[in-house]
Every structure is written in C-alpha cells, then in structure tokens.
Amino acid sequence: MSTTENNENNTEGEAELRQCVQKVLDDYLNDLGEYKPDNLYQLFIAEVEAPLFEAILSYTKGNQSKAAKMLGINRGTLRKKISQYNL
C-alpha cells in the first residue's frame, strides 16, 4: 500500500471514528435532559481512555512497547494509565 493510500485510509477511519463519537455524545447529551453535569471533560476522557488502552493492549497481545508506540505515548505513561485504570 502506498503512503498516499495509507493516508486516505487513515483519514476515512478518523472520519468514521469522529462520527461514532459525535453520535454517542449527542445521544448522551440528549438523554441528560435538563441535568447539566460538572466535569464532563474528565468524565469523557476517563470513559474513552480506559477502553482505548484495553483494546490496544489486547491488539498488541499485552506488548507495552508496541502499545505505547501505537498510542504515541511513552511506556512510562502507558504503565501509569494501566495502573490508573486497573488494566
């Protein structure tokens, strides 16, 4: 696969992911009704980050070096997150 094709596939995948996230957020906010939560950013990050790390670790068969590289973070940060989310 050429770099151009790879970039096009990444762009399509990113757009699909963004649309899925947008739909879930819209549904969540609609379900809240009049309730206005505090700390929505932290809630969202925690709810998305944990399954992201779990999925990547599963994909890399627990290889933290590969997982950290895929996530674009260093292994120390990954280990901190693994501990934080009890993964």
C-alpha atoms as a PDB file:
ATOM      1  CA  MET A   1       0.000   0.000   0.000  1.00  0.00           C
ATOM      2  CA  SER A   2       1.405   3.408  -0.932  1.00  0.00           C
ATOM      3  CA  THR A   3       1.766   6.260   1.553  1.00  0.00           C
ATOM      4  CA  THR A   4      -0.998   8.159  -0.254  1.00  0.00           C
ATOM      5  CA  GLU A   5      -3.391   5.197   0.001  1.00  0.00           C
ATOM      6  CA  ASN A   6      -2.470   4.713   3.668  1.00  0.00           C
ATOM      7  CA  ASN A   7      -3.134   8.405   4.414  1.00  0.00           C
ATOM      8  CA  GLU A   8      -6.500   8.222   2.624  1.00  0.00           C
ATOM      9  CA  ASN A   9      -7.471   5.136   4.644  1.00  0.00           C
ATOM     10  CA  ASN A  10      -6.428   6.843   7.895  1.00  0.00           C
ATOM     11  CA  THR A  11      -8.464   9.928   7.018  1.00  0.00           C
ATOM     12  CA  GLU A  12     -11.537   7.786   6.281  1.00  0.00           C
ATOM     13  CA  GLY A  13     -11.082   5.834   9.513  1.00  0.00           C
ATOM     14  CA  GLU A  14     -10.644   9.033  11.512  1.00  0.00           C
ATOM     15  CA  ALA A  15     -13.826  10.477  10.000  1.00  0.00           C
ATOM     16  CA  GLU A  16     -15.748   7.302  10.861  1.00  0.00           C
ATOM     17  CA  LEU A  17     -14.441   7.332  14.418  1.00  0.00           C
ATOM     18  CA  ARG A  18     -15.302  11.012  14.794  1.00  0.00           C
ATOM     19  CA  GLN A  19     -18.847  10.353  13.543  1.00  0.00           C
ATOM     20  CA  CYS A  20     -19.309   7.486  16.007  1.00  0.00           C
ATOM     21  CA  VAL A  21     -18.061   9.601  18.899  1.00  0.00           C
ATOM     22  CA  GLN A  22     -20.260  12.512  17.829  1.00  0.00           C
ATOM     23  CA  LYS A  23     -23.348  10.277  17.720  1.00  0.00           C
ATOM     24  CA  VAL A  24     -22.677   8.820  21.163  1.00  0.00           C
ATOM     25  CA  LEU A  25     -22.090  12.293  22.614  1.00  0.00           C
ATOM     26  CA  ASP A  26     -25.254  13.662  21.012  1.00  0.00           C
ATOM     27  CA  ASP A  27     -27.264  10.748  22.414  1.00  0.00           C
ATOM     28  CA  TYR A  28     -25.684  11.158  25.853  1.00  0.00           C
ATOM     29  CA  LEU A  29     -26.404  14.889  25.969  1.00  0.00           C
ATOM     30  CA  ASN A  30     -29.973  14.368  24.741  1.00  0.00           C
ATOM     31  CA  ASP A  31     -30.536  11.764  27.461  1.00  0.00           C
ATOM     32  CA  LEU A  32     -29.397  14.239  30.136  1.00  0.00           C
ATOM     33  CA  GLY A  33     -32.429  16.442  29.613  1.00  0.00           C
ATOM     34  CA  GLU A  34     -32.178  19.434  31.940  1.00  0.00           C
ATOM     35  CA  TYR A  35     -29.347  17.952  34.024  1.00  0.00           C
ATOM     36  CA  LYS A  36     -26.050  19.780  33.487  1.00  0.00           C
ATOM     37  CA  PRO A  37     -23.086  17.658  34.635  1.00  0.00           C
ATOM     38  CA  ASP A  38     -19.882  19.118  36.027  1.00  0.00           C
ATOM     39  CA  ASN A  39     -16.505  17.899  34.846  1.00  0.00           C
ATOM     40  CA  LEU A  40     -17.827  16.449  31.596  1.00  0.00           C
ATOM     41  CA  TYR A  41     -14.362  16.614  30.032  1.00  0.00           C
ATOM     42  CA  GLN A  42     -12.785  14.447  32.743  1.00  0.00           C
ATOM     43  CA  LEU A  43     -15.718  12.030  32.642  1.00  0.00           C
ATOM     44  CA  PHE A  44     -15.445  11.662  28.885  1.00  0.00           C
ATOM     45  CA  ILE A  45     -11.666  11.212  28.888  1.00  0.00           C
ATOM     46  CA  ALA A  46     -11.858   8.529  31.581  1.00  0.00           C
ATOM     47  CA  GLU A  47     -14.687   6.689  29.825  1.00  0.00           C
ATOM     48  CA  VAL A  48     -12.884   6.703  26.470  1.00  0.00           C
ATOM     49  CA  GLU A  49      -9.293   6.299  27.614  1.00  0.00           C
ATOM     50  CA  ALA A  50      -9.766   3.079  29.592  1.00  0.00           C
ATOM     51  CA  PRO A  51     -11.330   1.057  26.746  1.00  0.00           C
ATOM     52  CA  LEU A  52      -8.828   2.562  24.296  1.00  0.00           C
ATOM     53  CA  PHE A  53      -5.886   1.291  26.334  1.00  0.00           C
ATOM     54  CA  GLU A  54      -7.625  -2.032  26.899  1.00  0.00           C
ATOM     55  CA  ALA A  55      -8.239  -2.501  23.167  1.00  0.00           C
ATOM     56  CA  ILE A  56      -4.707  -1.524  22.159  1.00  0.00           C
ATOM     57  CA  LEU A  57      -3.154  -3.790  24.787  1.00  0.00           C
ATOM     58  CA  SER A  58      -5.319  -6.648  23.555  1.00  0.00           C
ATOM     59  CA  TYR A  59      -4.393  -5.869  19.934  1.00  0.00           C
ATOM     60  CA  THR A  60      -0.679  -5.919  20.809  1.00  0.00           C
ATOM     61  CA  LYS A  61      -1.133  -9.059  22.955  1.00  0.00           C
ATOM     62  CA  GLY A  62      -0.002  -7.136  26.039  1.00  0.00           C
ATOM     63  CA  ASN A  63       3.195  -5.820  24.461  1.00  0.00           C
ATOM     64  CA  GLN A  64       3.506  -2.460  26.186  1.00  0.00           C
ATOM     65  CA  SER A  65       6.247  -1.177  23.873  1.00  0.00           C
ATOM     66  CA  LYS A  66       4.084  -1.782  20.802  1.00  0.00           C
ATOM     67  CA  ALA A  67       1.000  -0.393  22.552  1.00  0.00           C
ATOM     68  CA  ALA A  68       2.813   2.772  23.609  1.00  0.00           C
ATOM     69  CA  LYS A  69       4.116   3.280  20.076  1.00  0.00           C
ATOM     70  CA  MET A  70       0.629   2.830  18.590  1.00  0.00           C
ATOM     71  CA  LEU A  71      -0.792   5.296  21.104  1.00  0.00           C
ATOM     72  CA  GLY A  72       2.000   7.812  20.551  1.00  0.00           C
ATOM     73  CA  ILE A  73       2.951   7.886  24.234  1.00  0.00           C
ATOM     74  CA  ASN A  74       5.944   6.619  26.168  1.00  0.00           C
ATOM     75  CA  ARG A  75       5.907   3.345  28.098  1.00  0.00           C
ATOM     76  CA  GLY A  76       6.015   5.145  31.439  1.00  0.00           C
ATOM     77  CA  THR A  77       2.807   6.996  30.627  1.00  0.00           C
ATOM     78  CA  LEU A  78       1.226   3.757  29.443  1.00  0.00           C
ATOM     79  CA  ARG A  79       2.189   1.997  32.674  1.00  0.00           C
ATOM     80  CA  LYS A  80       0.719   4.881  34.684  1.00  0.00           C
ATOM     81  CA  LYS A  81      -2.559   4.603  32.763  1.00  0.00           C
ATOM     82  CA  ILE A  82      -2.629   0.809  33.147  1.00  0.00           C
ATOM     83  CA  SER A  83      -2.333   1.294  36.883  1.00  0.00           C
ATOM     84  CA  GLN A  84      -4.829   4.179  36.948  1.00  0.00           C
ATOM     85  CA  TYR A  85      -7.496   2.119  35.181  1.00  0.00           C
ATOM     86  CA  ASN A  86      -6.548  -1.210  36.836  1.00  0.00           C
ATOM     87  CA  LEU A  87      -5.940  -2.862  33.465  1.00  0.00           C
END
